[in-house]
Amino acid sequence: MGKYFGTDGVRGVANAELTPELAFKLGRYGGYVLLQQAEGNAHPRVLVGRDTRISGQLLEHALIAGLLSVGIEVMQLGVIPTPGVAYLTRVQGAVAGVMISASHNPMEYNGIKFFNSQGLKLADSIEEEIEDLMEKLETGETSIESPTHNAIGRMIKKEDPKETYIDFLQNSIKG
C-alpha cells in the first residue's frame, strides 16, 4: 500500500486526515495523470458522486476544483450509491469516476475512491503514479502546468444522470 491510497482508495477522518487540501491534490494530480492517459481527448470527463456524510460536500467541492484546474470536464452526480458511479462512468464514456464515501466506517470518516473508464477500481499502478507525482510535486522535483482560458475544465450538466442508473436497476429486476 502507498502513502495515500489503501486497498480501497484514500480514507481518513474528514477534515483531519482527509482534508480539503488533500482532496484538491487528489483531484488535481489524479486528473493530471488521467489526462496523460486520455491522449487526444481535449477535455476528458470524470464523474463525481458522494454518499450522505456531512463531510461529503466539503471534499466533493475541493476534489472537483482540483479536477477542473487541470482541464477535466466534471459531471457532478450528487448523492448516489457507489455502484451507480461505477456504472455511469462506463455508460457515459468517462475516463474515470470518483466516489466520496467511507462505506461502512463511522460517520467521521470519509474516503475518495477512483474508478477507471470501465467502472472498475483504478489499477494499483495508476494509484502509485498519482502518489509518485504528489511526492515529486511536494519536494519540488517536478511541476505541472495550469491551463488557462478554454483549457480550464468545466462542469457539465446533463439531464439527471441518476435516472440512467435507476432505469438500469429497474430493467435488471424485470429481467
Protein backbone atom coordinates (compact mmCIF):
# COMPACT_ATOMS: atom_id res chain seq x y z
CA MET A 1 0.00 0.00 0.00
CA GLY A 2 1.09 3.52 -0.73
CA LYS A 3 1.27 6.61 1.38
CA TYR A 4 -2.21 7.84 0.41
CA PHE A 5 -4.08 5.02 -1.33
CA GLY A 6 -5.06 1.98 0.69
CA THR A 7 -6.87 -1.11 -0.51
CA ASP A 8 -9.98 0.92 -1.35
CA GLY A 9 -8.97 4.49 -2.10
CA VAL A 10 -7.87 7.24 0.25
CA ARG A 11 -9.58 7.24 3.65
CA GLY A 12 -9.37 9.04 6.94
CA VAL A 13 -11.16 11.24 9.42
CA ALA A 14 -12.71 14.01 7.34
CA ASN A 15 -11.17 17.45 7.78
CA ALA A 16 -8.38 15.98 9.96
CA GLU A 17 -6.56 13.27 7.95
CA LEU A 18 -8.65 13.57 4.76
CA THR A 19 -8.55 17.33 4.38
CA PRO A 20 -9.95 19.54 1.62
CA GLU A 21 -6.34 20.28 0.67
CA LEU A 22 -5.68 16.58 0.15
CA ALA A 23 -8.94 16.20 -1.80
CA PHE A 24 -7.87 19.11 -4.05
CA LYS A 25 -4.47 17.50 -4.63
CA LEU A 26 -6.07 14.14 -5.43
CA GLY A 27 -8.30 15.88 -7.95
CA ARG A 28 -5.51 17.95 -9.48
CA TYR A 29 -2.78 15.32 -9.60
CA GLY A 30 -5.11 12.41 -10.22
CA GLY A 31 -6.71 14.45 -13.00
CA TYR A 32 -3.29 15.22 -14.46
CA VAL A 33 -2.38 11.52 -14.59
CA LEU A 34 -5.75 10.72 -16.17
CA LEU A 35 -5.16 13.45 -18.78
CA GLN A 36 -1.90 11.81 -19.79
CA GLN A 37 -3.78 8.57 -20.43
CA ALA A 38 -6.57 10.28 -22.39
CA GLU A 39 -4.40 11.42 -25.27
CA GLY A 40 -6.31 13.27 -27.95
CA ASN A 41 -9.27 14.00 -25.69
CA ALA A 42 -9.13 17.76 -25.07
CA HIS A 43 -11.46 17.68 -22.06
CA PRO A 44 -11.83 14.15 -20.69
CA ARG A 45 -14.84 13.63 -18.45
CA VAL A 46 -14.81 12.46 -14.82
CA LEU A 47 -17.99 11.68 -12.88
CA VAL A 48 -18.08 12.52 -9.17
CA GLY A 49 -20.60 11.12 -6.67
CA ARG A 50 -20.85 11.06 -2.91
CA ASP A 51 -22.76 9.50 -0.05
CA THR A 52 -24.76 11.38 2.59
CA ARG A 53 -21.96 12.08 5.07
CA ILE A 54 -21.78 15.68 6.25
CA SER A 55 -18.18 15.96 5.04
CA GLY A 56 -19.10 14.82 1.51
CA GLN A 57 -19.81 18.28 0.13
CA LEU A 58 -16.59 19.71 1.57
CA LEU A 59 -14.47 17.01 -0.04
CA GLU A 60 -16.52 16.96 -3.25
CA HIS A 61 -16.02 20.66 -3.95
CA ALA A 62 -12.29 20.51 -3.22
CA LEU A 63 -11.84 17.42 -5.41
CA ILE A 64 -13.81 18.99 -8.27
CA ALA A 65 -11.76 22.20 -8.06
CA GLY A 66 -8.61 20.10 -8.45
CA LEU A 67 -10.01 18.25 -11.47
CA LEU A 68 -11.15 21.48 -13.15
CA SER A 69 -7.75 23.07 -12.54
CA VAL A 70 -6.06 20.64 -14.96
CA GLY A 71 -8.69 20.71 -17.69
CA ILE A 72 -11.01 17.85 -16.72
CA GLU A 73 -14.72 18.09 -17.52
CA VAL A 74 -16.70 17.12 -14.41
CA MET A 75 -20.20 15.70 -14.18
CA GLN A 76 -21.40 16.05 -10.60
CA LEU A 77 -23.74 13.20 -9.66
CA GLY A 78 -24.59 14.27 -6.12
CA VAL A 79 -25.74 11.63 -3.64
CA ILE A 80 -25.64 8.23 -5.32
CA PRO A 81 -24.64 4.67 -4.36
CA THR A 82 -21.07 3.62 -5.17
CA PRO A 83 -22.18 1.09 -7.83
CA GLY A 84 -24.06 3.94 -9.52
CA VAL A 85 -20.82 5.88 -10.05
CA ALA A 86 -19.11 2.77 -11.41
CA TYR A 87 -22.00 2.04 -13.81
CA LEU A 88 -22.44 5.62 -15.02
CA THR A 89 -18.69 6.07 -15.56
CA ARG A 90 -18.81 3.23 -18.05
CA VAL A 91 -22.05 4.14 -19.86
CA GLN A 92 -21.26 7.87 -20.03
CA GLY A 93 -17.88 7.20 -21.67
CA ALA A 94 -15.99 8.97 -18.90
CA VAL A 95 -12.25 8.43 -18.39
CA ALA A 96 -12.87 7.94 -14.68
CA GLY A 97 -15.33 8.15 -11.85
CA VAL A 98 -14.77 9.18 -8.27
CA MET A 99 -16.87 8.20 -5.26
CA ILE A 100 -16.62 10.09 -1.99
CA SER A 101 -17.63 7.61 0.71
CA ALA A 102 -16.12 5.69 3.58
CA SER A 103 -18.59 2.84 3.15
CA HIS A 104 -19.21 1.08 6.46
CA ASN A 105 -16.82 3.22 8.53
CA PRO A 106 -18.08 5.58 11.28
CA MET A 107 -19.52 8.91 10.11
CA GLU A 108 -16.45 11.00 10.99
CA TYR A 109 -14.52 9.12 8.30
CA ASN A 110 -14.73 9.64 4.59
CA GLY A 111 -12.90 8.38 1.55
CA ILE A 112 -12.12 9.07 -2.08
CA LYS A 113 -12.18 6.14 -4.48
CA PHE A 114 -11.29 6.36 -8.18
CA PHE A 115 -12.78 4.13 -10.88
CA ASN A 116 -11.32 3.59 -14.35
CA SER A 117 -13.31 4.08 -17.56
CA GLN A 118 -14.77 0.58 -17.20
CA GLY A 119 -16.14 1.35 -13.73
CA LEU A 120 -13.53 -0.81 -12.01
CA LYS A 121 -11.15 0.15 -9.20
CA LEU A 122 -8.26 2.18 -10.55
CA ALA A 123 -5.21 -0.03 -11.15
CA ASP A 124 -2.63 -0.02 -8.37
CA SER A 125 -0.03 1.15 -10.89
CA ILE A 126 -2.06 4.29 -11.66
CA GLU A 127 -2.62 4.97 -7.95
CA GLU A 128 1.15 4.64 -7.49
CA GLU A 129 1.71 7.04 -10.40
CA ILE A 130 -0.57 9.60 -8.70
CA GLU A 131 1.25 9.15 -5.39
CA ASP A 132 4.66 9.47 -7.06
CA LEU A 133 3.55 12.70 -8.75
CA MET A 134 2.23 14.03 -5.43
CA GLU A 135 5.57 13.28 -3.76
CA LYS A 136 7.60 14.87 -6.58
CA LEU A 137 5.44 17.99 -6.50
CA GLU A 138 5.72 18.24 -2.71
CA THR A 139 9.52 18.07 -2.88
CA GLY A 140 9.75 20.40 -5.87
CA GLU A 141 11.23 17.72 -8.15
CA THR A 142 8.65 18.45 -10.82
CA SER A 143 5.77 20.76 -11.66
CA ILE A 144 2.65 20.59 -13.79
CA GLU A 145 1.16 23.26 -15.97
CA SER A 146 -2.04 25.02 -15.07
CA PRO A 147 -4.19 25.51 -18.16
CA THR A 148 -5.83 28.84 -18.80
CA HIS A 149 -8.74 30.19 -20.85
CA ASN A 150 -10.56 27.47 -22.80
CA ALA A 151 -8.30 24.72 -21.48
CA ILE A 152 -9.64 25.03 -17.92
CA GLY A 153 -12.07 22.25 -17.07
CA ARG A 154 -15.77 22.91 -16.72
CA MET A 155 -18.78 21.44 -15.04
CA ILE A 156 -21.12 19.77 -17.47
CA LYS A 157 -24.82 19.33 -16.90
CA LYS A 158 -26.92 16.54 -18.28
CA GLU A 159 -30.44 15.62 -17.53
CA ASP A 160 -30.31 13.77 -14.25
CA PRO A 161 -27.74 11.01 -14.99
CA LYS A 162 -29.01 9.13 -11.95
CA GLU A 163 -32.17 8.37 -13.95
CA THR A 164 -30.00 6.26 -16.28
CA TYR A 165 -28.84 4.24 -13.26
CA ILE A 166 -32.37 3.90 -11.90
CA ASP A 167 -33.58 2.66 -15.33
CA PHE A 168 -30.74 0.12 -15.36
CA LEU A 169 -31.74 -1.15 -11.90
CA GLN A 170 -35.42 -1.37 -12.79
CA ASN A 171 -34.66 -3.27 -16.01
CA SER A 172 -32.36 -5.62 -14.09
CA ILE A 173 -35.20 -6.55 -11.76
CA LYS A 174 -37.64 -7.11 -14.63
CA GLY A 175 -35.20 -9.41 -16.45
